[in-house]
Amino acid sequence: MPLIYRAANLVEAQLVVDELRAGGMQAHITGSYLSGAIGELPPSEIIGVWLEQAQHHDRARSIIDDFEAARQQEERDWRCSHCQESVGREFGACWQCGRPRPVR
């Protein structure tokens, strides 16, 4: 059972587990009961996602890479496909024309 991901927090770890489960793999979080130690220990050393079947490692890594790429995309400003306006990353819809931000 290999460690596949070190998370910054429990929410991030759960999102990764959900993505892996949606891909047909079993995974679980360790360190969730140690969140009280955050501050004394870095979260990335406490919270881990473990893959239950080692033979799925490459596929799981691919899913996690896609998850991280999507998160990075969400952290950038975006351009409205309708009116071409540049929109800040914090907006879910174009402030100019009201079109929703496209979902990847």
PDB file of N, CA and C in Angstrom:
ATOM      1  N   MET A   1       0.855  -1.171   0.000  1.00  0.00           N
ATOM      2  CA  MET A   1       0.000   0.000   0.000  1.00  0.00           C
ATOM      3  C   MET A   1       0.905   1.240   0.000  1.00  0.00           C
ATOM      4  N   PRO A   2       1.125   1.859  -1.178  1.00  0.00           N
ATOM      5  CA  PRO A   2       2.049   2.997  -1.266  1.00  0.00           C
ATOM      6  C   PRO A   2       1.400   4.345  -0.935  1.00  0.00           C
ATOM      7  N   LEU A   3       2.216   5.218  -0.368  1.00  0.00           N
ATOM      8  CA  LEU A   3       1.824   6.612  -0.187  1.00  0.00           C
ATOM      9  C   LEU A   3       1.848   7.248  -1.571  1.00  0.00           C
ATOM     10  N   ILE A   4       0.735   7.846  -1.979  1.00  0.00           N
ATOM     11  CA  ILE A   4       0.634   8.394  -3.325  1.00  0.00           C
ATOM     12  C   ILE A   4       0.611   9.918  -3.334  1.00  0.00           C
ATOM     13  N   TYR A   5       0.254  10.539  -2.181  1.00  0.00           N
ATOM     14  CA  TYR A   5       0.105  11.996  -2.173  1.00  0.00           C
ATOM     15  C   TYR A   5       0.229  12.526  -0.756  1.00  0.00           C
ATOM     16  N   ARG A   6       0.945  13.623  -0.604  1.00  0.00           N
ATOM     17  CA  ARG A   6       0.999  14.348   0.675  1.00  0.00           C
ATOM     18  C   ARG A   6       0.195  15.622   0.493  1.00  0.00           C
ATOM     19  N   ALA A   7      -0.790  15.813   1.332  1.00  0.00           N
ATOM     20  CA  ALA A   7      -1.723  16.933   1.182  1.00  0.00           C
ATOM     21  C   ALA A   7      -1.384  18.071   2.131  1.00  0.00           C
ATOM     22  N   ALA A   8      -1.756  19.275   1.722  1.00  0.00           N
ATOM     23  CA  ALA A   8      -1.544  20.460   2.554  1.00  0.00           C
ATOM     24  C   ALA A   8      -2.574  20.535   3.671  1.00  0.00           C
ATOM     25  N   ASN A   9      -3.737  19.897   3.469  1.00  0.00           N
ATOM     26  CA  ASN A   9      -4.798  19.918   4.484  1.00  0.00           C
ATOM     27  C   ASN A   9      -5.763  18.764   4.217  1.00  0.00           C
ATOM     28  N   LEU A  10      -6.709  18.566   5.131  1.00  0.00           N
ATOM     29  CA  LEU A  10      -7.652  17.453   5.003  1.00  0.00           C
ATOM     30  C   LEU A  10      -8.586  17.600   3.808  1.00  0.00           C
ATOM     31  N   VAL A  11      -8.967  18.816   3.490  1.00  0.00           N
ATOM     32  CA  VAL A  11      -9.866  19.034   2.353  1.00  0.00           C
ATOM     33  C   VAL A  11      -9.180  18.595   1.062  1.00  0.00           C
ATOM     34  N   GLU A  12      -7.945  19.018   0.884  1.00  0.00           N
ATOM     35  CA  GLU A  12      -7.199  18.623  -0.309  1.00  0.00           C
ATOM     36  C   GLU A  12      -7.044  17.105  -0.375  1.00  0.00           C
ATOM     37  N   ALA A  13      -6.744  16.484   0.746  1.00  0.00           N
ATOM     38  CA  ALA A  13      -6.601  15.027   0.785  1.00  0.00           C
ATOM     39  C   ALA A  13      -7.906  14.344   0.392  1.00  0.00           C
ATOM     40  N   GLN A  14      -9.031  14.837   0.899  1.00  0.00           N
ATOM     41  CA  GLN A  14     -10.317  14.231   0.570  1.00  0.00           C
ATOM     42  C   GLN A  14     -10.650  14.402  -0.907  1.00  0.00           C
ATOM     43  N   LEU A  15     -10.311  15.555  -1.473  1.00  0.00           N
ATOM     44  CA  LEU A  15     -10.539  15.765  -2.906  1.00  0.00           C
ATOM     45  C   LEU A  15      -9.744  14.760  -3.739  1.00  0.00           C
ATOM     46  N   VAL A  16      -8.507  14.504  -3.349  1.00  0.00           N
ATOM     47  CA  VAL A  16      -7.677  13.530  -4.064  1.00  0.00           C
ATOM     48  C   VAL A  16      -8.267  12.127  -3.924  1.00  0.00           C
ATOM     49  N   VAL A  17      -8.671  11.752  -2.718  1.00  0.00           N
ATOM     50  CA  VAL A  17      -9.290  10.439  -2.509  1.00  0.00           C
ATOM     51  C   VAL A  17     -10.550  10.306  -3.363  1.00  0.00           C
ATOM     52  N   ASP A  18     -11.365  11.353  -3.409  1.00  0.00           N
ATOM     53  CA  ASP A  18     -12.586  11.321  -4.223  1.00  0.00           C
ATOM     54  C   ASP A  18     -12.265  11.127  -5.700  1.00  0.00           C
ATOM     55  N   GLU A  19     -11.231  11.809  -6.193  1.00  0.00           N
ATOM     56  CA  GLU A  19     -10.829  11.655  -7.595  1.00  0.00           C
ATOM     57  C   GLU A  19     -10.362  10.225  -7.867  1.00  0.00           C
ATOM     58  N   LEU A  20      -9.581   9.671  -6.958  1.00  0.00           N
ATOM     59  CA  LEU A  20      -9.094   8.304  -7.137  1.00  0.00           C
ATOM     60  C   LEU A  20     -10.247   7.302  -7.102  1.00  0.00           C
ATOM     61  N   ARG A  21     -11.174   7.488  -6.181  1.00  0.00           N
ATOM     62  CA  ARG A  21     -12.330   6.586  -6.101  1.00  0.00           C
ATOM     63  C   ARG A  21     -13.195   6.696  -7.347  1.00  0.00           C
ATOM     64  N   ALA A  22     -13.337   7.905  -7.880  1.00  0.00           N
ATOM     65  CA  ALA A  22     -14.094   8.082  -9.126  1.00  0.00           C
ATOM     66  C   ALA A  22     -13.407   7.351 -10.278  1.00  0.00           C
ATOM     67  N   GLY A  23     -12.094   7.188 -10.181  1.00  0.00           N
ATOM     68  CA  GLY A  23     -11.331   6.450 -11.179  1.00  0.00           C
ATOM     69  C   GLY A  23     -11.292   4.951 -10.922  1.00  0.00           C
ATOM     70  N   GLY A  24     -12.055   4.495  -9.930  1.00  0.00           N
ATOM     71  CA  GLY A  24     -12.157   3.064  -9.651  1.00  0.00           C
ATOM     72  C   GLY A  24     -11.089   2.506  -8.738  1.00  0.00           C
ATOM     73  N   MET A  25     -10.376   3.371  -8.023  1.00  0.00           N
ATOM     74  CA  MET A  25      -9.317   2.916  -7.129  1.00  0.00           C
ATOM     75  C   MET A  25      -9.705   3.161  -5.676  1.00  0.00           C
ATOM     76  N   GLN A  26      -9.175   2.346  -4.801  1.00  0.00           N
ATOM     77  CA  GLN A  26      -9.405   2.515  -3.378  1.00  0.00           C
ATOM     78  C   GLN A  26      -8.219   3.249  -2.764  1.00  0.00           C
ATOM     79  N   ALA A  27      -8.520   4.261  -1.965  1.00  0.00           N
ATOM     80  CA  ALA A  27      -7.482   5.045  -1.291  1.00  0.00           C
ATOM     81  C   ALA A  27      -8.037   5.519   0.041  1.00  0.00           C
ATOM     82  N   HIS A  28      -7.157   5.833   0.948  1.00  0.00           N
ATOM     83  CA  HIS A  28      -7.608   6.383   2.229  1.00  0.00           C
ATOM     84  C   HIS A  28      -6.599   7.411   2.744  1.00  0.00           C
ATOM     85  N   ILE A  29      -7.065   8.199   3.697  1.00  0.00           N
ATOM     86  CA  ILE A  29      -6.278   9.295   4.280  1.00  0.00           C
ATOM     87  C   ILE A  29      -5.696   8.831   5.603  1.00  0.00           C
ATOM     88  N   THR A  30      -4.436   9.154   5.829  1.00  0.00           N
ATOM     89  CA  THR A  30      -3.842   8.945   7.145  1.00  0.00           C
ATOM     90  C   THR A  30      -3.462  10.302   7.720  1.00  0.00           C
ATOM     91  N   GLY A  31      -3.426  10.383   9.017  1.00  0.00           N
ATOM     92  CA  GLY A  31      -3.027  11.611   9.687  1.00  0.00           C
ATOM     93  C   GLY A  31      -4.169  12.559   9.977  1.00  0.00           C
ATOM     94  N   SER A  32      -5.392  12.160   9.658  1.00  0.00           N
ATOM     95  CA  SER A  32      -6.517  13.081   9.859  1.00  0.00           C
ATOM     96  C   SER A  32      -6.736  13.396  11.338  1.00  0.00           C
ATOM     97  N   TYR A  33      -6.378  12.473  12.210  1.00  0.00           N
ATOM     98  CA  TYR A  33      -6.549  12.714  13.644  1.00  0.00           C
ATOM     99  C   TYR A  33      -5.383  13.489  14.249  1.00  0.00           C
ATOM    100  N   LEU A  34      -4.383  13.778  13.431  1.00  0.00           N
ATOM    101  CA  LEU A  34      -3.222  14.517  13.914  1.00  0.00           C
ATOM    102  C   LEU A  34      -3.286  15.997  13.564  1.00  0.00           C
ATOM    103  N   SER A  35      -4.429  16.461  13.078  1.00  0.00           N
ATOM    104  CA  SER A  35      -4.525  17.856  12.651  1.00  0.00           C
ATOM    105  C   SER A  35      -4.263  18.826  13.801  1.00  0.00           C
ATOM    106  N   GLY A  36      -4.422  18.398  15.020  1.00  0.00           N
ATOM    107  CA  GLY A  36      -4.100  19.244  16.165  1.00  0.00           C
ATOM    108  C   GLY A  36      -2.613  19.528  16.282  1.00  0.00           C
ATOM    109  N   ALA A  37      -1.801  18.719  15.628  1.00  0.00           N
ATOM    110  CA  ALA A  37      -0.351  18.920  15.666  1.00  0.00           C
ATOM    111  C   ALA A  37       0.125  19.899  14.602  1.00  0.00           C
ATOM    112  N   ILE A  38      -0.794  20.316  13.716  1.00  0.00           N
ATOM    113  CA  ILE A  38      -0.405  21.277  12.684  1.00  0.00           C
ATOM    114  C   ILE A  38      -0.006  22.571  13.376  1.00  0.00           C
ATOM    115  N   GLY A  39       1.107  23.073  13.010  1.00  0.00           N
ATOM    116  CA  GLY A  39       1.714  24.221  13.682  1.00  0.00           C
ATOM    117  C   GLY A  39       3.015  23.779  14.313  1.00  0.00           C
ATOM    118  N   GLU A  40       2.978  22.610  14.919  1.00  0.00           N
ATOM    119  CA  GLU A  40       4.190  22.002  15.455  1.00  0.00           C
ATOM    120  C   GLU A  40       4.884  21.181  14.369  1.00  0.00           C
ATOM    121  N   LEU A  41       4.061  20.560  13.533  1.00  0.00           N
ATOM    122  CA  LEU A  41       4.559  19.755  12.417  1.00  0.00           C
ATOM    123  C   LEU A  41       3.957  20.299  11.131  1.00  0.00           C
ATOM    124  N   PRO A  42       4.687  20.256  10.028  1.00  0.00           N
ATOM    125  CA  PRO A  42       4.118  20.746   8.762  1.00  0.00           C
ATOM    126  C   PRO A  42       2.997  19.818   8.285  1.00  0.00           C
ATOM    127  N   PRO A  43       1.882  20.385   7.795  1.00  0.00           N
ATOM    128  CA  PRO A  43       0.758  19.553   7.346  1.00  0.00           C
ATOM    129  C   PRO A  43       1.159  18.531   6.288  1.00  0.00           C
ATOM    130  N   SER A  44       2.081  18.903   5.420  1.00  0.00           N
ATOM    131  CA  SER A  44       2.477  17.980   4.354  1.00  0.00           C
ATOM    132  C   SER A  44       3.196  16.747   4.892  1.00  0.00           C
ATOM    133  N   GLU A  45       3.631  16.791   6.131  1.00  0.00           N
ATOM    134  CA  GLU A  45       4.269  15.629   6.745  1.00  0.00           C
ATOM    135  C   GLU A  45       3.280  14.820   7.571  1.00  0.00           C
ATOM    136  N   ILE A  46       2.081  15.342   7.767  1.00  0.00           N
ATOM    137  CA  ILE A  46       1.084  14.682   8.609  1.00  0.00           C
ATOM    138  C   ILE A  46       0.036  13.963   7.774  1.00  0.00           C
ATOM    139  N   ILE A  47      -0.491  14.649   6.768  1.00  0.00           N
ATOM    140  CA  ILE A  47      -1.657  14.161   6.037  1.00  0.00           C
ATOM    141  C   ILE A  47      -1.218  13.501   4.735  1.00  0.00           C
ATOM    142  N   GLY A  48      -1.542  12.232   4.592  1.00  0.00           N
ATOM    143  CA  GLY A  48      -1.161  11.498   3.393  1.00  0.00           C
ATOM    144  C   GLY A  48      -2.324  10.733   2.798  1.00  0.00           C
ATOM    145  N   VAL A  49      -2.256  10.504   1.502  1.00  0.00           N
ATOM    146  CA  VAL A  49      -3.234   9.667   0.807  1.00  0.00           C
ATOM    147  C   VAL A  49      -2.500   8.401   0.377  1.00  0.00           C
ATOM    148  N   TRP A  50      -3.053   7.284   0.761  1.00  0.00           N
ATOM    149  CA  TRP A  50      -2.448   5.990   0.478  1.00  0.00           C
ATOM    150  C   TRP A  50      -3.323   5.226  -0.502  1.00  0.00           C
ATOM    151  N   LEU A  51      -2.697   4.650  -1.490  1.00  0.00           N
ATOM    152  CA  LEU A  51      -3.367   3.847  -2.501  1.00  0.00           C
ATOM    153  C   LEU A  51      -3.391   2.404  -2.011  1.00  0.00           C
ATOM    154  N   GLU A  52      -4.547   1.769  -2.059  1.00  0.00           N
ATOM    155  CA  GLU A  52      -4.648   0.420  -1.508  1.00  0.00           C
ATOM    156  C   GLU A  52      -4.137  -0.672  -2.442  1.00  0.00           C
ATOM    157  N   GLN A  53      -4.113  -0.402  -3.751  1.00  0.00           N
ATOM    158  CA  GLN A  53      -3.599  -1.393  -4.703  1.00  0.00           C
ATOM    159  C   GLN A  53      -2.396  -0.792  -5.430  1.00  0.00           C
ATOM    160  N   ALA A  54      -1.221  -1.296  -5.127  1.00  0.00           N
ATOM    161  CA  ALA A  54       0.017  -0.756  -5.707  1.00  0.00           C
ATOM    162  C   ALA A  54       0.045  -0.862  -7.227  1.00  0.00           C
ATOM    163  N   GLN A  55      -0.656  -1.832  -7.792  1.00  0.00           N
ATOM    164  CA  GLN A  55      -0.631  -2.012  -9.245  1.00  0.00           C
ATOM    165  C   GLN A  55      -1.305  -0.855  -9.983  1.00  0.00           C
ATOM    166  N   HIS A  56      -2.062  -0.015  -9.280  1.00  0.00           N
ATOM    167  CA  HIS A  56      -2.733   1.134  -9.897  1.00  0.00           C
ATOM    168  C   HIS A  56      -1.920   2.423  -9.763  1.00  0.00           C
ATOM    169  N   HIS A  57      -0.676   2.314  -9.328  1.00  0.00           N
ATOM    170  CA  HIS A  57       0.129   3.499  -9.034  1.00  0.00           C
ATOM    171  C   HIS A  57       0.224   4.462 -10.218  1.00  0.00           C
ATOM    172  N   ASP A  58       0.554   3.973 -11.401  1.00  0.00           N
ATOM    173  CA  ASP A  58       0.730   4.860 -12.559  1.00  0.00           C
ATOM    174  C   ASP A  58      -0.567   5.564 -12.930  1.00  0.00           C
ATOM    175  N   ARG A  59      -1.671   4.831 -12.927  1.00  0.00           N
ATOM    176  CA  ARG A  59      -2.962   5.440 -13.241  1.00  0.00           C
ATOM    177  C   ARG A  59      -3.357   6.458 -12.167  1.00  0.00           C
ATOM    178  N   ALA A  60      -3.108   6.133 -10.911  1.00  0.00           N
ATOM    179  CA  ALA A  60      -3.414   7.058  -9.815  1.00  0.00           C
ATOM    180  C   ALA A  60      -2.580   8.325  -9.937  1.00  0.00           C
ATOM    181  N   ARG A  61      -1.317   8.167 -10.279  1.00  0.00           N
ATOM    182  CA  ARG A  61      -0.439   9.330 -10.434  1.00  0.00           C
ATOM    183  C   ARG A  61      -0.945  10.235 -11.552  1.00  0.00           C
ATOM    184  N   SER A  62      -1.437   9.640 -12.629  1.00  0.00           N
ATOM    185  CA  SER A  62      -1.992  10.407 -13.742  1.00  0.00           C
ATOM    186  C   SER A  62      -3.233  11.188 -13.307  1.00  0.00           C
ATOM    187  N   ILE A  63      -4.097  10.557 -12.529  1.00  0.00           N
ATOM    188  CA  ILE A  63      -5.295  11.232 -12.014  1.00  0.00           C
ATOM    189  C   ILE A  63      -4.898  12.393 -11.113  1.00  0.00           C
ATOM    190  N   ILE A  64      -3.914  12.183 -10.262  1.00  0.00           N
ATOM    191  CA  ILE A  64      -3.461  13.245  -9.359  1.00  0.00           C
ATOM    192  C   ILE A  64      -2.816  14.380 -10.146  1.00  0.00           C
ATOM    193  N   ASP A  65      -2.039  14.060 -11.168  1.00  0.00           N
ATOM    194  CA  ASP A  65      -1.437  15.107 -12.008  1.00  0.00           C
ATOM    195  C   ASP A  65      -2.518  15.955 -12.674  1.00  0.00           C
ATOM    196  N   ASP A  66      -3.585  15.310 -13.169  1.00  0.00           N
ATOM    197  CA  ASP A  66      -4.703  16.046 -13.769  1.00  0.00           C
ATOM    198  C   ASP A  66      -5.399  16.925 -12.734  1.00  0.00           C
ATOM    199  N   PHE A  67      -5.571  16.403 -11.516  1.00  0.00           N
ATOM    200  CA  PHE A  67      -6.188  17.156 -10.421  1.00  0.00           C
ATOM    201  C   PHE A  67      -5.371  18.410 -10.110  1.00  0.00           C
ATOM    202  N   GLU A  68      -4.054  18.251 -10.009  1.00  0.00           N
ATOM    203  CA  GLU A  68      -3.192  19.394  -9.703  1.00  0.00           C
ATOM    204  C   GLU A  68      -3.188  20.416 -10.835  1.00  0.00           C
ATOM    205  N   ALA A  69      -3.205  19.955 -12.076  1.00  0.00           N
ATOM    206  CA  ALA A  69      -3.242  20.873 -13.224  1.00  0.00           C
ATOM    207  C   ALA A  69      -4.543  21.671 -13.233  1.00  0.00           C
ATOM    208  N   ALA A  70      -5.654  21.019 -12.927  1.00  0.00           N
ATOM    209  CA  ALA A  70      -6.945  21.717 -12.882  1.00  0.00           C
ATOM    210  C   ALA A  70      -6.956  22.759 -11.769  1.00  0.00           C
ATOM    211  N   ARG A  71      -6.366  22.436 -10.632  1.00  0.00           N
ATOM    212  CA  ARG A  71      -6.311  23.404  -9.525  1.00  0.00           C
ATOM    213  C   ARG A  71      -5.456  24.603  -9.897  1.00  0.00           C
ATOM    214  N   GLN A  72      -4.350  24.380 -10.584  1.00  0.00           N
ATOM    215  CA  GLN A  72      -3.504  25.494 -11.012  1.00  0.00           C
ATOM    216  C   GLN A  72      -4.235  26.364 -12.014  1.00  0.00           C
ATOM    217  N   GLN A  73      -5.003  25.739 -12.895  1.00  0.00           N
ATOM    218  CA  GLN A  73      -5.788  26.490 -13.876  1.00  0.00           C
ATOM    219  C   GLN A  73      -6.806  27.385 -13.170  1.00  0.00           C
ATOM    220  N   GLU A  74      -7.431  26.874 -12.114  1.00  0.00           N
ATOM    221  CA  GLU A  74      -8.424  27.644 -11.368  1.00  0.00           C
ATOM    222  C   GLU A  74      -7.798  28.831 -10.649  1.00  0.00           C
ATOM    223  N   GLU A  75      -6.510  28.769 -10.399  1.00  0.00           N
ATOM    224  CA  GLU A  75      -5.832  29.829  -9.666  1.00  0.00           C
ATOM    225  C   GLU A  75      -5.370  30.965 -10.571  1.00  0.00           C
ATOM    226  N   ARG A  76      -5.634  30.864 -11.877  1.00  0.00           N
ATOM    227  CA  ARG A  76      -5.224  31.900 -12.822  1.00  0.00           C
ATOM    228  C   ARG A  76      -6.423  32.697 -13.304  1.00  0.00           C
ATOM    229  N   ASP A  77      -6.129  33.920 -13.772  1.00  0.00           N
ATOM    230  CA  ASP A  77      -7.163  34.700 -14.439  1.00  0.00           C
ATOM    231  C   ASP A  77      -7.575  33.952 -15.703  1.00  0.00           C
ATOM    232  N   TRP A  78      -8.759  34.257 -16.217  1.00  0.00           N
ATOM    233  CA  TRP A  78      -9.241  33.566 -17.406  1.00  0.00           C
ATOM    234  C   TRP A  78      -9.849  34.556 -18.384  1.00  0.00           C
ATOM    235  N   ARG A  79     -10.007  34.126 -19.628  1.00  0.00           N
ATOM    236  CA  ARG A  79     -10.572  34.964 -20.683  1.00  0.00           C
ATOM    237  C   ARG A  79     -11.933  34.405 -21.076  1.00  0.00           C
ATOM    238  N   CYS A  80     -12.926  35.283 -21.112  1.00  0.00           N
ATOM    239  CA  CYS A  80     -14.281  34.896 -21.496  1.00  0.00           C
ATOM    240  C   CYS A  80     -14.293  34.477 -22.967  1.00  0.00           C
ATOM    241  N   SER A  81     -14.858  33.318 -23.232  1.00  0.00           N
ATOM    242  CA  SER A  81     -14.910  32.818 -24.609  1.00  0.00           C
ATOM    243  C   SER A  81     -15.955  33.556 -25.449  1.00  0.00           C
ATOM    244  N   HIS A  82     -16.866  34.261 -24.786  1.00  0.00           N
ATOM    245  CA  HIS A  82     -17.914  34.979 -25.522  1.00  0.00           C
ATOM    246  C   HIS A  82     -17.468  36.389 -25.922  1.00  0.00           C
ATOM    247  N   CYS A  83     -17.014  37.177 -24.942  1.00  0.00           N
ATOM    248  CA  CYS A  83     -16.677  38.580 -25.231  1.00  0.00           C
ATOM    249  C   CYS A  83     -15.174  38.861 -25.195  1.00  0.00           C
ATOM    250  N   GLN A  84     -14.373  37.845 -24.873  1.00  0.00           N
ATOM    251  CA  GLN A  84     -12.907  37.944 -24.832  1.00  0.00           C
ATOM    252  C   GLN A  84     -12.382  38.859 -23.724  1.00  0.00           C
ATOM    253  N   GLU A  85     -13.217  39.177 -22.758  1.00  0.00           N
ATOM    254  CA  GLU A  85     -12.793  40.016 -21.634  1.00  0.00           C
ATOM    255  C   GLU A  85     -11.879  39.209 -20.711  1.00  0.00           C
ATOM    256  N   SER A  86     -10.849  39.851 -20.173  1.00  0.00           N
ATOM    257  CA  SER A  86      -9.991  39.228 -19.175  1.00  0.00           C
ATOM    258  C   SER A  86     -10.699  39.333 -17.825  1.00  0.00           C
ATOM    259  N   VAL A  87     -10.823  38.186 -17.142  1.00  0.00           N
ATOM    260  CA  VAL A  87     -11.598  38.120 -15.901  1.00  0.00           C
ATOM    261  C   VAL A  87     -10.699  37.573 -14.795  1.00  0.00           C
ATOM    262  N   GLY A  88     -10.774  38.161 -13.617  1.00  0.00           N
ATOM    263  CA  GLY A  88      -9.983  37.709 -12.478  1.00  0.00           C
ATOM    264  C   GLY A  88     -10.370  36.309 -12.038  1.00  0.00           C
ATOM    265  N   ARG A  89      -9.399  35.595 -11.492  1.00  0.00           N
ATOM    266  CA  ARG A  89      -9.617  34.202 -11.101  1.00  0.00           C
ATOM    267  C   ARG A  89     -10.692  34.030 -10.040  1.00  0.00           C
ATOM    268  N   GLU A  90     -10.959  35.072  -9.276  1.00  0.00           N
ATOM    269  CA  GLU A  90     -11.935  34.961  -8.204  1.00  0.00           C
ATOM    270  C   GLU A  90     -13.379  35.003  -8.695  1.00  0.00           C
ATOM    271  N   PHE A  91     -13.581  35.296  -9.981  1.00  0.00           N
ATOM    272  CA  PHE A  91     -14.929  35.403 -10.527  1.00  0.00           C
ATOM    273  C   PHE A  91     -15.359  34.100 -11.192  1.00  0.00           C
ATOM    274  N   GLY A  92     -16.576  33.685 -10.922  1.00  0.00           N
ATOM    275  CA  GLY A  92     -17.140  32.487 -11.534  1.00  0.00           C
ATOM    276  C   GLY A  92     -17.902  32.786 -12.802  1.00  0.00           C
ATOM    277  N   ALA A  93     -18.086  34.062 -13.091  1.00  0.00           N
ATOM    278  CA  ALA A  93     -18.763  34.485 -14.320  1.00  0.00           C
ATOM    279  C   ALA A  93     -18.079  35.747 -14.828  1.00  0.00           C
ATOM    280  N   CYS A  94     -18.190  35.977 -16.123  1.00  0.00           N
ATOM    281  CA  CYS A  94     -17.600  37.170 -16.731  1.00  0.00           C
ATOM    282  C   CYS A  94     -18.320  38.409 -16.211  1.00  0.00           C
ATOM    283  N   TRP A  95     -17.567  39.374 -15.748  1.00  0.00           N
ATOM    284  CA  TRP A  95     -18.186  40.587 -15.213  1.00  0.00           C
ATOM    285  C   TRP A  95     -18.743  41.450 -16.341  1.00  0.00           C
ATOM    286  N   GLN A  96     -18.256  41.265 -17.564  1.00  0.00           N
ATOM    287  CA  GLN A  96     -18.694  42.069 -18.707  1.00  0.00           C
ATOM    288  C   GLN A  96     -20.025  41.573 -19.288  1.00  0.00           C
ATOM    289  N   CYS A  97     -20.109  40.263 -19.579  1.00  0.00           N
ATOM    290  CA  CYS A  97     -21.303  39.741 -20.263  1.00  0.00           C
ATOM    291  C   CYS A  97     -22.105  38.745 -19.431  1.00  0.00           C
ATOM    292  N   GLY A  98     -21.565  38.315 -18.285  1.00  0.00           N
ATOM    293  CA  GLY A  98     -22.306  37.415 -17.408  1.00  0.00           C
ATOM    294  C   GLY A  98     -22.185  35.937 -17.725  1.00  0.00           C
ATOM    295  N   ARG A  99     -21.413  35.571 -18.739  1.00  0.00           N
ATOM    296  CA  ARG A  99     -21.248  34.151 -19.071  1.00  0.00           C
ATOM    297  C   ARG A  99     -20.483  33.448 -17.946  1.00  0.00           C
ATOM    298  N   PRO A 100     -20.894  32.212 -17.589  1.00  0.00           N
ATOM    299  CA  PRO A 100     -20.180  31.480 -16.535  1.00  0.00           C
ATOM    300  C   PRO A 100     -18.787  31.051 -16.991  1.00  0.00           C
ATOM    301  N   ARG A 101     -17.914  30.929 -16.011  1.00  0.00           N
ATOM    302  CA  ARG A 101     -16.557  30.449 -16.289  1.00  0.00           C
ATOM    303  C   ARG A 101     -16.639  29.025 -16.818  1.00  0.00           C
ATOM    304  N   PRO A 102     -15.928  28.722 -17.892  1.00  0.00           N
ATOM    305  CA  PRO A 102     -15.985  27.354 -18.420  1.00  0.00           C
ATOM    306  C   PRO A 102     -15.399  26.352 -17.428  1.00  0.00           C
ATOM    307  N   VAL A 103     -15.988  25.192 -17.391  1.00  0.00           N
ATOM    308  CA  VAL A 103     -15.515  24.117 -16.522  1.00  0.00           C
ATOM    309  C   VAL A 103     -14.620  23.217 -17.342  1.00  0.00           C
ATOM    310  N   ARG A 104     -13.444  22.904 -16.784  1.00  0.00           N
ATOM    311  CA  ARG A 104     -12.518  21.999 -17.483  1.00  0.00           C
ATOM    312  C   ARG A 104     -12.904  20.585 -17.259  1.00  0.00           C
TER     313      ARG A 104
END
